């Protein structure tokens, strides 16, 4: 029987995924994840362009474990952050691990900026928390659907579950011309999962 240490803790990155240009940071992130007891279930799709939506988001710890997961996978998953943060000293640390600047004063809104970025890139994965806040909300932000539709990019669902300490890759879905129906269909997928302080719905 294989030892616990020999069992892969994270699935391999698919060939088409954008890769992190580092060996040390993925190794270091996997070590921290192993100590924390968190694991990832499922396989990533072999797509050069992808939006990953993760929920429920109810704690700062979600960002910590999510960041470890994305770095541990060795995949360059972009996360949106205010441009002012990256222009400061933190930018030296955050840019190499996939944080991308959002210019809120630009002529293009955030959705249009992301659509344009997808069009300009051969490979790009973008991570989004559709709730938009750690508090319980009635309605999710629809920006991820608009980006996916206008950029013609698939959406990978990612379920957080604190009781089992798991991140689970769910089905890949496509945005249609009916965003309201899409939102109902996608949110229903998250119903069984619970965050640190609440569920997703």
N, C-alpha and C. Protein backbone atom coordinates (compact mmCIF):
# COMPACT_ATOMS: atom_id res chain seq x y z
N UNK A 1 0.85 -1.19 0.00
CA UNK A 1 0.00 0.00 0.00
C UNK A 1 0.89 1.24 0.00
N UNK A 2 0.51 2.24 -0.82
CA UNK A 2 1.32 3.45 -0.91
C UNK A 2 1.21 4.25 0.39
N UNK A 3 2.28 4.92 0.73
CA UNK A 3 2.26 5.75 1.93
C UNK A 3 1.46 7.02 1.68
N UNK A 4 1.06 7.65 2.76
CA UNK A 4 0.31 8.90 2.67
C UNK A 4 1.11 9.97 1.94
N UNK A 5 2.39 10.02 2.20
CA UNK A 5 3.23 11.05 1.59
C UNK A 5 3.37 10.85 0.10
N UNK A 6 3.22 9.61 -0.41
CA UNK A 6 3.42 9.36 -1.83
C UNK A 6 2.15 9.62 -2.63
N UNK A 7 1.02 9.82 -1.94
CA UNK A 7 -0.24 10.07 -2.63
C UNK A 7 -0.31 11.52 -3.09
N UNK A 8 -0.55 11.77 -4.39
CA UNK A 8 -0.63 13.15 -4.86
C UNK A 8 -1.74 13.91 -4.13
N UNK A 9 -1.41 15.07 -3.57
CA UNK A 9 -2.40 15.84 -2.83
C UNK A 9 -3.22 16.73 -3.76
N UNK A 10 -2.63 17.14 -4.87
CA UNK A 10 -3.31 17.99 -5.83
C UNK A 10 -3.22 17.36 -7.21
N UNK A 11 -4.25 17.53 -8.04
CA UNK A 11 -4.20 16.97 -9.39
C UNK A 11 -3.16 17.71 -10.24
N UNK A 12 -2.63 17.06 -11.26
CA UNK A 12 -1.67 17.73 -12.13
C UNK A 12 -2.34 18.82 -12.96
N UNK A 13 -1.59 19.86 -13.26
CA UNK A 13 -2.12 20.93 -14.10
C UNK A 13 -2.28 20.42 -15.53
N UNK A 14 -3.41 20.66 -16.18
CA UNK A 14 -3.60 20.21 -17.56
C UNK A 14 -2.67 20.95 -18.53
N UNK A 15 -2.35 20.34 -19.65
CA UNK A 15 -1.37 20.93 -20.59
C UNK A 15 -1.72 22.33 -21.07
N UNK A 16 -3.01 22.61 -21.29
CA UNK A 16 -3.40 23.90 -21.84
C UNK A 16 -3.47 25.01 -20.81
N UNK A 17 -3.38 24.68 -19.53
CA UNK A 17 -3.51 25.70 -18.49
C UNK A 17 -2.30 26.62 -18.47
N UNK A 18 -2.49 27.91 -18.16
CA UNK A 18 -1.34 28.81 -17.99
C UNK A 18 -0.57 28.43 -16.73
N UNK A 19 0.75 28.33 -16.83
CA UNK A 19 1.55 27.82 -15.72
C UNK A 19 2.26 28.95 -14.97
N UNK A 20 2.44 28.73 -13.67
CA UNK A 20 3.27 29.62 -12.87
C UNK A 20 4.74 29.38 -13.22
N UNK A 21 5.49 30.44 -13.31
CA UNK A 21 6.90 30.33 -13.64
C UNK A 21 7.73 30.16 -12.37
N UNK A 22 7.47 29.08 -11.65
CA UNK A 22 8.19 28.82 -10.39
C UNK A 22 8.03 27.37 -10.02
N UNK A 23 9.05 26.78 -9.42
CA UNK A 23 8.96 25.44 -8.85
C UNK A 23 8.89 25.50 -7.32
N UNK A 24 9.56 26.52 -6.76
CA UNK A 24 9.62 26.61 -5.30
C UNK A 24 8.26 26.91 -4.69
N UNK A 25 7.57 27.94 -5.22
CA UNK A 25 6.32 28.37 -4.58
C UNK A 25 5.23 27.29 -4.63
N UNK A 26 5.04 26.55 -5.74
CA UNK A 26 4.08 25.45 -5.70
C UNK A 26 4.45 24.39 -4.66
N UNK A 27 5.72 24.06 -4.57
CA UNK A 27 6.16 23.07 -3.57
C UNK A 27 5.87 23.58 -2.16
N UNK A 28 6.19 24.85 -1.89
CA UNK A 28 5.98 25.43 -0.57
C UNK A 28 4.50 25.47 -0.22
N UNK A 29 3.65 25.84 -1.19
CA UNK A 29 2.21 25.88 -0.95
C UNK A 29 1.65 24.49 -0.66
N UNK A 30 2.14 23.48 -1.36
CA UNK A 30 1.67 22.11 -1.11
C UNK A 30 2.07 21.64 0.28
N UNK A 31 3.24 22.05 0.75
CA UNK A 31 3.66 21.70 2.11
C UNK A 31 2.72 22.31 3.14
N UNK A 32 2.35 23.58 2.96
CA UNK A 32 1.44 24.23 3.89
C UNK A 32 0.06 23.60 3.85
N UNK A 33 -0.39 23.22 2.67
CA UNK A 33 -1.70 22.57 2.55
C UNK A 33 -1.70 21.22 3.25
N UNK A 34 -0.62 20.49 3.11
CA UNK A 34 -0.55 19.18 3.76
C UNK A 34 -0.63 19.32 5.28
N UNK A 35 0.02 20.35 5.80
CA UNK A 35 -0.03 20.59 7.24
C UNK A 35 -1.42 21.04 7.69
N UNK A 36 -2.13 21.76 6.83
CA UNK A 36 -3.45 22.28 7.20
C UNK A 36 -4.55 21.23 7.12
N UNK A 37 -4.33 20.18 6.35
CA UNK A 37 -5.33 19.13 6.20
C UNK A 37 -6.33 19.37 5.08
N UNK A 38 -6.18 20.48 4.35
CA UNK A 38 -7.09 20.76 3.24
C UNK A 38 -6.67 19.98 2.00
N UNK A 39 -7.67 19.59 1.19
CA UNK A 39 -7.38 18.86 -0.04
C UNK A 39 -8.30 19.33 -1.17
N UNK A 40 -7.91 18.96 -2.38
CA UNK A 40 -8.66 19.33 -3.57
C UNK A 40 -9.17 18.07 -4.23
N UNK A 41 -10.45 18.07 -4.60
CA UNK A 41 -11.08 16.90 -5.22
C UNK A 41 -11.49 17.25 -6.65
N UNK A 42 -11.21 16.35 -7.57
CA UNK A 42 -11.63 16.56 -8.95
C UNK A 42 -10.47 16.93 -9.86
N UNK A 43 -10.80 17.11 -11.13
CA UNK A 43 -9.79 17.42 -12.14
C UNK A 43 -10.10 18.75 -12.81
N UNK A 44 -9.04 19.47 -13.15
CA UNK A 44 -9.20 20.71 -13.89
C UNK A 44 -9.41 20.42 -15.37
N UNK A 45 -10.22 21.22 -16.06
CA UNK A 45 -10.42 21.02 -17.50
C UNK A 45 -9.19 21.48 -18.28
N UNK A 46 -8.97 20.85 -19.41
CA UNK A 46 -7.83 21.21 -20.26
C UNK A 46 -8.24 22.35 -21.18
N UNK A 47 -8.34 23.55 -20.61
CA UNK A 47 -8.80 24.73 -21.33
C UNK A 47 -7.74 25.84 -21.23
N UNK A 48 -7.44 26.52 -22.33
CA UNK A 48 -6.48 27.62 -22.25
C UNK A 48 -7.07 28.87 -21.60
N UNK A 49 -8.40 29.01 -21.66
CA UNK A 49 -9.06 30.16 -21.06
C UNK A 49 -10.22 29.66 -20.20
N UNK A 50 -10.33 30.22 -18.98
CA UNK A 50 -11.29 29.67 -18.02
C UNK A 50 -11.59 30.70 -16.94
N UNK A 51 -12.84 30.71 -16.48
CA UNK A 51 -13.22 31.46 -15.28
C UNK A 51 -13.56 30.43 -14.20
N UNK A 52 -12.97 30.58 -13.02
CA UNK A 52 -13.25 29.71 -11.89
C UNK A 52 -14.03 30.51 -10.85
N UNK A 53 -15.23 30.04 -10.49
CA UNK A 53 -16.01 30.72 -9.46
C UNK A 53 -16.04 29.86 -8.20
N UNK A 54 -15.66 30.45 -7.07
CA UNK A 54 -15.60 29.73 -5.81
C UNK A 54 -16.56 30.28 -4.78
N UNK A 55 -17.27 29.40 -4.08
CA UNK A 55 -18.23 29.78 -3.04
C UNK A 55 -18.48 28.55 -2.16
N UNK A 56 -18.99 28.77 -0.93
CA UNK A 56 -19.30 30.05 -0.28
C UNK A 56 -18.05 30.74 0.27
N UNK A 57 -18.06 32.06 0.19
CA UNK A 57 -16.95 32.88 0.67
C UNK A 57 -17.42 33.62 1.91
N UNK A 58 -16.99 33.15 3.08
CA UNK A 58 -17.50 33.72 4.33
C UNK A 58 -16.40 34.09 5.32
N UNK A 59 -15.14 33.97 4.91
CA UNK A 59 -14.05 34.20 5.86
C UNK A 59 -12.78 34.62 5.11
N UNK A 60 -11.92 35.38 5.83
CA UNK A 60 -10.61 35.70 5.27
C UNK A 60 -9.81 34.43 4.99
N UNK A 61 -10.06 33.37 5.76
CA UNK A 61 -9.33 32.12 5.57
C UNK A 61 -9.58 31.52 4.19
N UNK A 62 -10.72 31.82 3.57
CA UNK A 62 -10.99 31.32 2.22
C UNK A 62 -9.89 31.77 1.26
N UNK A 63 -9.53 33.05 1.38
CA UNK A 63 -8.49 33.59 0.51
C UNK A 63 -7.15 32.94 0.76
N UNK A 64 -6.85 32.65 2.03
CA UNK A 64 -5.58 32.02 2.37
C UNK A 64 -5.49 30.62 1.77
N UNK A 65 -6.51 29.79 2.04
CA UNK A 65 -6.47 28.42 1.52
C UNK A 65 -6.62 28.41 0.00
N UNK A 66 -7.44 29.30 -0.53
CA UNK A 66 -7.59 29.37 -1.99
C UNK A 66 -6.29 29.76 -2.67
N UNK A 67 -5.56 30.69 -2.06
CA UNK A 67 -4.28 31.10 -2.63
C UNK A 67 -3.28 29.95 -2.60
N UNK A 68 -3.26 29.21 -1.49
CA UNK A 68 -2.38 28.04 -1.41
C UNK A 68 -2.74 27.02 -2.47
N UNK A 69 -4.04 26.82 -2.70
CA UNK A 69 -4.48 25.85 -3.71
C UNK A 69 -4.00 26.27 -5.10
N UNK A 70 -4.23 27.52 -5.44
CA UNK A 70 -3.88 27.96 -6.79
C UNK A 70 -2.38 27.93 -7.03
N UNK A 71 -1.60 28.31 -6.01
CA UNK A 71 -0.15 28.25 -6.16
C UNK A 71 0.32 26.80 -6.17
N UNK A 72 -0.26 25.97 -5.29
CA UNK A 72 0.14 24.57 -5.23
C UNK A 72 -0.12 23.81 -6.51
N UNK A 73 -1.16 24.19 -7.23
CA UNK A 73 -1.45 23.56 -8.52
C UNK A 73 -0.42 23.92 -9.58
N UNK A 74 0.30 25.01 -9.36
CA UNK A 74 1.27 25.47 -10.36
C UNK A 74 0.60 26.13 -11.54
N UNK A 75 -0.65 26.55 -11.35
CA UNK A 75 -1.41 27.19 -12.44
C UNK A 75 -1.51 28.68 -12.16
N UNK A 76 -1.33 29.48 -13.19
CA UNK A 76 -1.39 30.93 -13.07
C UNK A 76 -2.85 31.37 -13.14
N UNK A 77 -3.54 31.33 -12.02
CA UNK A 77 -4.94 31.76 -11.94
C UNK A 77 -4.96 33.21 -11.50
N UNK A 78 -5.43 34.09 -12.36
CA UNK A 78 -5.45 35.52 -12.06
C UNK A 78 -6.56 35.86 -11.07
N UNK A 79 -6.26 36.77 -10.17
CA UNK A 79 -7.23 37.29 -9.22
C UNK A 79 -7.22 38.81 -9.36
N UNK A 80 -8.41 39.42 -9.47
CA UNK A 80 -8.49 40.86 -9.63
C UNK A 80 -8.22 41.57 -8.30
N UNK A 81 -7.49 42.69 -8.38
CA UNK A 81 -7.18 43.47 -7.20
C UNK A 81 -7.04 44.93 -7.63
N UNK A 82 -7.28 45.86 -6.72
CA UNK A 82 -7.19 47.27 -7.08
C UNK A 82 -5.78 47.62 -7.56
N UNK A 83 -5.73 48.42 -8.62
CA UNK A 83 -4.44 48.78 -9.22
C UNK A 83 -3.52 49.45 -8.20
N UNK A 84 -4.10 50.25 -7.29
CA UNK A 84 -3.28 50.99 -6.33
C UNK A 84 -2.48 50.05 -5.43
N UNK A 85 -3.03 48.88 -5.12
CA UNK A 85 -2.32 47.92 -4.27
C UNK A 85 -1.08 47.40 -4.99
N UNK A 86 -1.22 47.09 -6.28
CA UNK A 86 -0.10 46.53 -7.03
C UNK A 86 0.94 47.58 -7.38
N UNK A 87 0.56 48.86 -7.36
CA UNK A 87 1.52 49.91 -7.65
C UNK A 87 2.47 50.15 -6.47
N UNK A 88 2.10 49.65 -5.29
CA UNK A 88 2.95 49.82 -4.12
C UNK A 88 3.92 48.67 -3.95
N UNK A 89 4.60 48.62 -2.81
CA UNK A 89 5.59 47.55 -2.56
C UNK A 89 5.02 46.14 -2.62
N UNK A 90 3.74 45.98 -2.25
CA UNK A 90 3.12 44.65 -2.30
C UNK A 90 3.07 44.08 -3.71
N UNK A 91 3.11 44.97 -4.69
CA UNK A 91 3.06 44.51 -6.08
C UNK A 91 4.20 43.57 -6.44
N UNK A 92 5.35 43.75 -5.78
CA UNK A 92 6.51 42.89 -6.05
C UNK A 92 6.22 41.44 -5.67
N UNK A 93 5.34 41.26 -4.66
CA UNK A 93 4.99 39.92 -4.21
C UNK A 93 3.75 39.40 -4.93
N UNK A 94 2.75 40.27 -5.12
CA UNK A 94 1.45 39.84 -5.61
C UNK A 94 1.40 39.62 -7.12
N UNK A 95 2.11 40.40 -7.89
CA UNK A 95 2.08 40.22 -9.35
C UNK A 95 2.58 38.84 -9.79
N UNK A 96 3.70 38.36 -9.25
CA UNK A 96 4.20 37.04 -9.69
C UNK A 96 3.27 35.88 -9.36
N UNK A 97 2.34 36.06 -8.40
CA UNK A 97 1.45 34.94 -8.07
C UNK A 97 0.05 35.15 -8.65
N UNK A 98 -0.07 36.00 -9.66
CA UNK A 98 -1.30 36.05 -10.45
C UNK A 98 -2.27 37.18 -10.15
N UNK A 99 -1.93 38.11 -9.27
CA UNK A 99 -2.83 39.23 -9.02
C UNK A 99 -2.75 40.21 -10.19
N UNK A 100 -3.89 40.63 -10.71
CA UNK A 100 -3.91 41.54 -11.85
C UNK A 100 -4.63 42.82 -11.48
N UNK A 101 -4.14 43.96 -11.98
CA UNK A 101 -4.70 45.25 -11.57
C UNK A 101 -6.02 45.58 -12.25
N UNK A 102 -6.93 46.18 -11.48
CA UNK A 102 -8.18 46.71 -12.01
C UNK A 102 -8.14 48.22 -11.86
N UNK A 103 -8.32 48.91 -12.97
CA UNK A 103 -8.32 50.37 -12.97
C UNK A 103 -9.76 50.86 -12.92
N UNK A 104 -10.21 51.25 -11.74
CA UNK A 104 -11.60 51.67 -11.57
C UNK A 104 -11.88 53.04 -12.17
N UNK A 105 -10.84 53.78 -12.52
CA UNK A 105 -11.04 55.09 -13.13
C UNK A 105 -10.96 55.05 -14.65
N UNK A 106 -10.74 53.85 -15.20
CA UNK A 106 -10.61 53.73 -16.66
C UNK A 106 -11.95 53.86 -17.34
N UNK A 107 -11.91 54.14 -18.66
CA UNK A 107 -13.13 54.29 -19.43
C UNK A 107 -13.90 52.97 -19.49
N UNK A 108 -13.18 51.85 -19.56
CA UNK A 108 -13.83 50.54 -19.58
C UNK A 108 -14.18 50.11 -18.16
N UNK A 109 -15.36 49.53 -17.97
CA UNK A 109 -15.70 49.01 -16.65
C UNK A 109 -14.94 47.70 -16.41
N UNK A 110 -15.10 47.15 -15.20
CA UNK A 110 -14.33 45.96 -14.84
C UNK A 110 -14.63 44.79 -15.77
N UNK A 111 -15.90 44.59 -16.11
CA UNK A 111 -16.27 43.49 -17.01
C UNK A 111 -15.58 43.66 -18.35
N UNK A 112 -15.65 44.86 -18.91
CA UNK A 112 -15.03 45.11 -20.22
C UNK A 112 -13.51 44.96 -20.16
N UNK A 113 -12.90 45.37 -19.03
CA UNK A 113 -11.46 45.20 -18.88
C UNK A 113 -11.07 43.73 -18.92
N UNK A 114 -11.86 42.88 -18.25
CA UNK A 114 -11.56 41.46 -18.22
C UNK A 114 -11.83 40.80 -19.56
N UNK A 115 -12.89 41.20 -20.23
CA UNK A 115 -13.18 40.66 -21.57
C UNK A 115 -12.04 41.00 -22.52
N UNK A 116 -11.57 42.24 -22.46
CA UNK A 116 -10.47 42.64 -23.33
C UNK A 116 -9.19 41.88 -23.00
N UNK A 117 -8.96 41.64 -21.71
CA UNK A 117 -7.77 40.90 -21.31
C UNK A 117 -7.83 39.47 -21.83
N UNK A 118 -9.00 38.84 -21.75
CA UNK A 118 -9.16 37.50 -22.30
C UNK A 118 -8.87 37.49 -23.80
N UNK A 119 -9.34 38.50 -24.51
CA UNK A 119 -9.13 38.56 -25.95
C UNK A 119 -7.67 38.77 -26.32
N UNK A 120 -6.94 39.45 -25.42
CA UNK A 120 -5.53 39.74 -25.71
C UNK A 120 -4.59 38.59 -25.36
N UNK A 121 -5.08 37.62 -24.57
CA UNK A 121 -4.22 36.55 -24.08
C UNK A 121 -4.48 35.23 -24.83
N UNK A 122 -3.40 34.47 -25.05
CA UNK A 122 -3.56 33.12 -25.60
C UNK A 122 -4.04 32.15 -24.52
N UNK A 123 -3.59 32.38 -23.29
CA UNK A 123 -4.00 31.56 -22.15
C UNK A 123 -4.28 32.48 -20.97
N UNK A 124 -5.41 32.25 -20.32
CA UNK A 124 -5.73 33.05 -19.14
C UNK A 124 -6.80 32.34 -18.32
N UNK A 125 -6.55 32.18 -17.03
CA UNK A 125 -7.55 31.68 -16.09
C UNK A 125 -7.81 32.79 -15.07
N UNK A 126 -9.08 32.98 -14.73
CA UNK A 126 -9.48 34.05 -13.83
C UNK A 126 -10.32 33.48 -12.70
N UNK A 127 -9.94 33.77 -11.45
CA UNK A 127 -10.69 33.32 -10.29
C UNK A 127 -11.58 34.43 -9.75
N UNK A 128 -12.84 34.11 -9.44
CA UNK A 128 -13.81 35.11 -8.97
C UNK A 128 -14.64 34.51 -7.83
N UNK A 129 -14.93 35.33 -6.81
CA UNK A 129 -15.90 34.96 -5.78
C UNK A 129 -17.21 35.67 -6.14
N UNK A 130 -18.19 34.95 -6.66
CA UNK A 130 -19.40 35.60 -7.20
C UNK A 130 -20.27 36.28 -6.16
N UNK A 131 -20.10 35.93 -4.88
CA UNK A 131 -20.88 36.62 -3.85
C UNK A 131 -20.41 38.05 -3.65
N UNK A 132 -19.13 38.31 -3.94
CA UNK A 132 -18.59 39.65 -3.87
C UNK A 132 -18.33 40.17 -2.46
N UNK A 133 -18.59 39.37 -1.44
CA UNK A 133 -18.40 39.77 -0.06
C UNK A 133 -18.42 38.52 0.82
N UNK A 134 -17.91 38.67 2.05
CA UNK A 134 -17.95 37.55 2.98
C UNK A 134 -19.31 37.42 3.66
N UNK A 135 -20.12 38.46 3.60
CA UNK A 135 -21.44 38.43 4.22
C UNK A 135 -22.43 37.65 3.35
N UNK A 136 -23.47 37.14 3.97
CA UNK A 136 -24.51 36.44 3.24
C UNK A 136 -25.27 37.43 2.38
N UNK A 137 -25.46 37.12 1.11
CA UNK A 137 -26.15 38.02 0.19
C UNK A 137 -27.29 37.27 -0.48
N UNK A 138 -28.31 38.04 -0.87
CA UNK A 138 -29.45 37.43 -1.56
C UNK A 138 -29.11 37.15 -3.01
N UNK A 139 -28.39 38.09 -3.62
CA UNK A 139 -28.07 37.97 -5.04
C UNK A 139 -26.56 37.96 -5.26
N UNK A 140 -26.10 37.06 -6.08
CA UNK A 140 -24.69 37.04 -6.47
C UNK A 140 -24.43 38.12 -7.51
N UNK A 141 -23.17 38.56 -7.60
CA UNK A 141 -22.75 39.48 -8.64
C UNK A 141 -22.78 38.76 -9.99
N UNK A 142 -23.30 39.42 -11.01
CA UNK A 142 -23.44 38.77 -12.31
C UNK A 142 -22.25 39.00 -13.23
N UNK A 143 -21.22 39.69 -12.73
CA UNK A 143 -20.09 40.02 -13.59
C UNK A 143 -19.42 38.81 -14.23
N UNK A 144 -19.30 37.70 -13.47
CA UNK A 144 -18.62 36.52 -14.02
C UNK A 144 -19.39 35.96 -15.22
N UNK A 145 -20.73 36.04 -15.18
CA UNK A 145 -21.54 35.57 -16.31
C UNK A 145 -21.36 36.47 -17.53
N UNK A 146 -21.30 37.76 -17.29
CA UNK A 146 -21.12 38.69 -18.40
C UNK A 146 -19.75 38.54 -19.04
N UNK A 147 -18.73 38.37 -18.21
CA UNK A 147 -17.38 38.15 -18.76
C UNK A 147 -17.34 36.86 -19.56
N UNK A 148 -17.88 35.78 -18.98
CA UNK A 148 -17.85 34.48 -19.65
C UNK A 148 -18.61 34.53 -20.97
N UNK A 149 -19.75 35.19 -20.98
CA UNK A 149 -20.56 35.27 -22.21
C UNK A 149 -19.86 36.08 -23.28
N UNK A 150 -19.38 37.28 -22.92
CA UNK A 150 -18.81 38.18 -23.92
C UNK A 150 -17.44 37.71 -24.40
N UNK A 151 -16.70 37.01 -23.54
CA UNK A 151 -15.38 36.51 -23.94
C UNK A 151 -15.46 35.07 -24.46
N UNK A 152 -16.65 34.46 -24.39
CA UNK A 152 -16.85 33.08 -24.83
C UNK A 152 -15.89 32.12 -24.12
N UNK A 153 -15.94 32.19 -22.77
CA UNK A 153 -15.04 31.42 -21.93
C UNK A 153 -15.87 30.51 -21.01
N UNK A 154 -15.49 29.25 -20.83
CA UNK A 154 -16.23 28.36 -19.92
C UNK A 154 -16.04 28.74 -18.46
N UNK A 155 -16.98 28.29 -17.62
CA UNK A 155 -16.96 28.57 -16.19
C UNK A 155 -16.77 27.27 -15.42
N UNK A 156 -15.72 27.21 -14.61
CA UNK A 156 -15.47 26.06 -13.75
C UNK A 156 -16.00 26.35 -12.36
N UNK A 157 -16.91 25.52 -11.85
CA UNK A 157 -17.40 25.70 -10.50
C UNK A 157 -16.43 25.10 -9.49
N UNK A 158 -16.27 25.78 -8.35
CA UNK A 158 -15.36 25.32 -7.29
C UNK A 158 -16.08 25.48 -5.95
N UNK A 159 -16.31 24.34 -5.29
CA UNK A 159 -17.09 24.33 -4.05
C UNK A 159 -16.16 24.28 -2.84
N UNK A 160 -16.34 25.22 -1.90
CA UNK A 160 -15.61 25.21 -0.64
C UNK A 160 -16.47 24.53 0.41
N UNK A 161 -15.86 23.65 1.18
CA UNK A 161 -16.61 22.97 2.24
C UNK A 161 -15.73 22.82 3.47
N UNK A 162 -16.02 23.61 4.50
CA UNK A 162 -15.20 23.60 5.72
C UNK A 162 -15.37 22.33 6.54
N UNK A 163 -16.59 21.76 6.66
CA UNK A 163 -16.70 20.52 7.45
C UNK A 163 -15.79 19.41 6.97
N UNK A 164 -15.60 19.29 5.66
CA UNK A 164 -14.74 18.23 5.11
C UNK A 164 -13.36 18.73 4.72
N UNK A 165 -13.11 20.04 4.89
CA UNK A 165 -11.83 20.66 4.51
C UNK A 165 -11.48 20.34 3.05
N UNK A 166 -12.43 20.59 2.17
CA UNK A 166 -12.20 20.28 0.76
C UNK A 166 -12.56 21.45 -0.16
N UNK A 167 -11.79 21.55 -1.23
CA UNK A 167 -12.17 22.32 -2.40
C UNK A 167 -12.53 21.26 -3.45
N UNK A 168 -13.69 21.39 -4.07
CA UNK A 168 -14.13 20.39 -5.04
C UNK A 168 -14.44 21.06 -6.38
N UNK A 169 -13.81 20.56 -7.43
CA UNK A 169 -14.15 21.04 -8.77
C UNK A 169 -15.45 20.38 -9.22
N UNK A 170 -16.46 21.21 -9.48
CA UNK A 170 -17.74 20.71 -9.96
C UNK A 170 -17.79 20.74 -11.48
N UNK A 171 -18.99 20.76 -12.04
CA UNK A 171 -19.12 20.76 -13.49
C UNK A 171 -18.67 22.08 -14.12
N UNK A 172 -18.25 22.00 -15.36
CA UNK A 172 -17.96 23.19 -16.17
C UNK A 172 -19.25 23.60 -16.87
N UNK A 173 -19.59 24.87 -16.78
CA UNK A 173 -20.83 25.36 -17.38
C UNK A 173 -20.52 26.48 -18.36
N UNK A 174 -21.50 26.76 -19.21
CA UNK A 174 -21.38 27.83 -20.20
C UNK A 174 -22.46 28.88 -19.98
N UNK A 175 -22.09 30.15 -20.13
CA UNK A 175 -23.08 31.22 -20.04
C UNK A 175 -23.90 31.23 -21.32
N UNK A 176 -25.19 31.45 -21.16
CA UNK A 176 -26.10 31.52 -22.30
C UNK A 176 -26.60 32.96 -22.46
N UNK A 177 -27.59 33.13 -23.30
CA UNK A 177 -28.19 34.46 -23.49
C UNK A 177 -29.23 34.78 -22.42
N UNK A 178 -29.42 33.88 -21.46
CA UNK A 178 -30.38 34.09 -20.38
C UNK A 178 -29.63 34.08 -19.05
N UNK A 179 -29.05 35.22 -18.63
CA UNK A 179 -28.23 35.24 -17.41
C UNK A 179 -29.01 34.92 -16.15
N UNK A 180 -30.30 35.27 -16.10
CA UNK A 180 -31.09 34.97 -14.91
C UNK A 180 -31.25 33.46 -14.72
N UNK A 181 -31.52 32.76 -15.80
CA UNK A 181 -31.64 31.30 -15.72
C UNK A 181 -30.29 30.67 -15.41
N UNK A 182 -29.23 31.23 -16.00
CA UNK A 182 -27.88 30.72 -15.72
C UNK A 182 -27.56 30.83 -14.24
N UNK A 183 -27.91 31.97 -13.64
CA UNK A 183 -27.58 32.19 -12.23
C UNK A 183 -28.31 31.19 -11.34
N UNK A 184 -29.59 30.96 -11.61
CA UNK A 184 -30.35 29.99 -10.82
C UNK A 184 -29.73 28.60 -10.94
N UNK A 185 -29.38 28.22 -12.17
CA UNK A 185 -28.82 26.90 -12.43
C UNK A 185 -27.47 26.72 -11.72
N UNK A 186 -26.64 27.74 -11.77
CA UNK A 186 -25.30 27.64 -11.19
C UNK A 186 -25.36 27.67 -9.68
N UNK A 187 -26.17 28.56 -9.11
CA UNK A 187 -26.24 28.66 -7.65
C UNK A 187 -26.74 27.36 -7.02
N UNK A 188 -27.63 26.68 -7.72
CA UNK A 188 -28.16 25.41 -7.19
C UNK A 188 -27.06 24.38 -7.00
N UNK A 189 -25.99 24.45 -7.79
CA UNK A 189 -24.90 23.49 -7.68
C UNK A 189 -24.15 23.62 -6.35
N UNK A 190 -24.20 24.82 -5.74
CA UNK A 190 -23.43 25.09 -4.53
C UNK A 190 -24.20 24.78 -3.24
N UNK A 191 -25.46 24.41 -3.36
CA UNK A 191 -26.33 24.23 -2.20
C UNK A 191 -25.78 23.26 -1.14
N UNK A 192 -25.17 22.13 -1.50
CA UNK A 192 -24.75 21.16 -0.46
C UNK A 192 -23.54 21.59 0.36
N UNK A 193 -22.88 22.69 0.00
CA UNK A 193 -21.57 23.01 0.59
C UNK A 193 -21.68 24.14 1.61
N UNK A 194 -20.80 24.08 2.61
CA UNK A 194 -20.85 25.05 3.69
C UNK A 194 -19.48 25.70 3.92
N UNK A 195 -19.48 27.03 4.01
CA UNK A 195 -18.27 27.78 4.31
C UNK A 195 -17.98 27.80 5.81
N UNK A 196 -17.04 28.60 6.20
CA UNK A 196 -16.64 28.65 7.62
C UNK A 196 -17.78 29.16 8.49
N UNK A 197 -18.55 30.11 7.98
CA UNK A 197 -19.60 30.73 8.79
C UNK A 197 -21.01 30.56 8.24
N UNK A 198 -21.16 30.04 7.02
CA UNK A 198 -22.49 29.92 6.43
C UNK A 198 -22.41 29.06 5.17
N UNK A 199 -23.61 28.78 4.61
CA UNK A 199 -23.64 28.08 3.33
C UNK A 199 -23.64 29.09 2.19
N UNK A 200 -23.83 28.60 0.95
CA UNK A 200 -23.72 29.48 -0.22
C UNK A 200 -25.04 30.12 -0.61
N UNK A 201 -26.17 29.63 -0.08
CA UNK A 201 -27.46 30.14 -0.54
C UNK A 201 -28.35 30.58 0.63
